[in-house]
Amino acid sequence: MICANCNRPLKSPAAMLWRMAFGPTCARKLSLLAPPAVRHAAWDVRSRERRDTQTMDLFVDLAAEPK
């Protein structure tokens, strides 16, 4: 079986549309599959930005002005 989009050989199709088989990458690009879930939820907690209290904000005046 080959991918209908890129003609690569497939062991098992990730998505089928009528008789056309699609591999996982092509199926995601064509929105036939949902995007992959976030695998490392703990990484988000560790990678949050820390606020530096000793450095002045660059755009304080612009944020305070009403439009």
Protein backbone atom coordinates (compact mmCIF):
# COMPACT_ATOMS: atom_id res chain seq x y z
CA MET A 1 0.00 0.00 0.00
CA ILE A 2 1.29 3.49 -0.80
CA CYS A 3 0.40 6.97 0.44
CA ALA A 4 -1.99 8.73 -1.95
CA ASN A 5 -0.33 12.09 -1.27
CA CYS A 6 3.43 11.39 -1.41
CA ASN A 7 3.60 7.83 -2.86
CA ARG A 8 5.66 6.46 0.03
CA PRO A 9 5.18 2.82 0.97
CA LEU A 10 3.00 2.25 4.05
CA LYS A 11 2.89 -0.70 6.43
CA SER A 12 -0.49 0.41 7.73
CA PRO A 13 -2.35 3.58 6.77
CA ALA A 14 -2.97 6.25 9.41
CA ALA A 15 -6.09 7.47 7.60
CA MET A 16 -8.25 6.17 4.79
CA LEU A 17 -10.42 8.34 2.57
CA TRP A 18 -12.51 6.18 0.25
CA ARG A 19 -9.85 3.94 -1.34
CA MET A 20 -6.95 6.32 -0.72
CA ALA A 21 -4.54 5.56 2.12
CA PHE A 22 -2.49 8.26 3.84
CA GLY A 23 0.53 8.03 6.10
CA PRO A 24 0.57 9.82 9.48
CA THR A 25 2.48 12.92 8.32
CA CYS A 26 0.38 13.47 5.21
CA ALA A 27 -2.84 12.79 7.13
CA ARG A 28 -1.95 15.50 9.68
CA LYS A 29 -1.02 17.97 6.91
CA LEU A 30 -4.35 17.31 5.19
CA SER A 31 -6.24 17.64 8.53
CA LEU A 32 -7.42 14.04 8.43
CA LEU A 33 -5.90 13.39 11.88
CA ALA A 34 -5.88 15.52 14.99
CA PRO A 35 -2.53 17.10 15.89
CA PRO A 36 -0.45 15.09 18.35
CA ALA A 37 -1.15 15.70 22.02
CA VAL A 38 1.38 17.43 24.23
CA ARG A 39 3.49 14.66 25.70
CA HIS A 40 5.43 16.53 28.36
CA ALA A 41 2.99 18.44 30.52
CA ALA A 42 5.60 18.71 33.31
CA TRP A 43 7.94 20.57 30.97
CA ASP A 44 5.46 23.46 30.79
CA VAL A 45 5.62 23.94 34.55
CA ARG A 46 9.42 24.00 34.60
CA SER A 47 9.80 26.28 31.59
CA ARG A 48 7.60 29.16 32.75
CA GLU A 49 9.24 32.56 32.71
CA ARG A 50 10.37 34.00 35.98
CA ARG A 51 9.86 37.71 36.52
CA ASP A 52 13.01 39.65 37.31
CA THR A 53 12.04 42.24 39.93
CA GLN A 54 15.31 44.16 39.70
CA THR A 55 14.98 45.06 36.00
CA MET A 56 12.71 47.92 34.93
CA ASP A 57 9.93 47.21 32.45
CA LEU A 58 10.62 48.52 28.97
CA PHE A 59 7.08 49.49 27.93
CA VAL A 60 5.47 50.53 31.22
CA ASP A 61 4.30 53.90 29.87
CA LEU A 62 2.68 52.39 26.78
CA ALA A 63 0.74 49.81 28.79
CA ALA A 64 -0.64 52.47 31.18
CA GLU A 65 -1.94 54.84 28.44
CA PRO A 66 -5.60 54.35 27.46
CA LYS A 67 -6.38 54.35 23.76
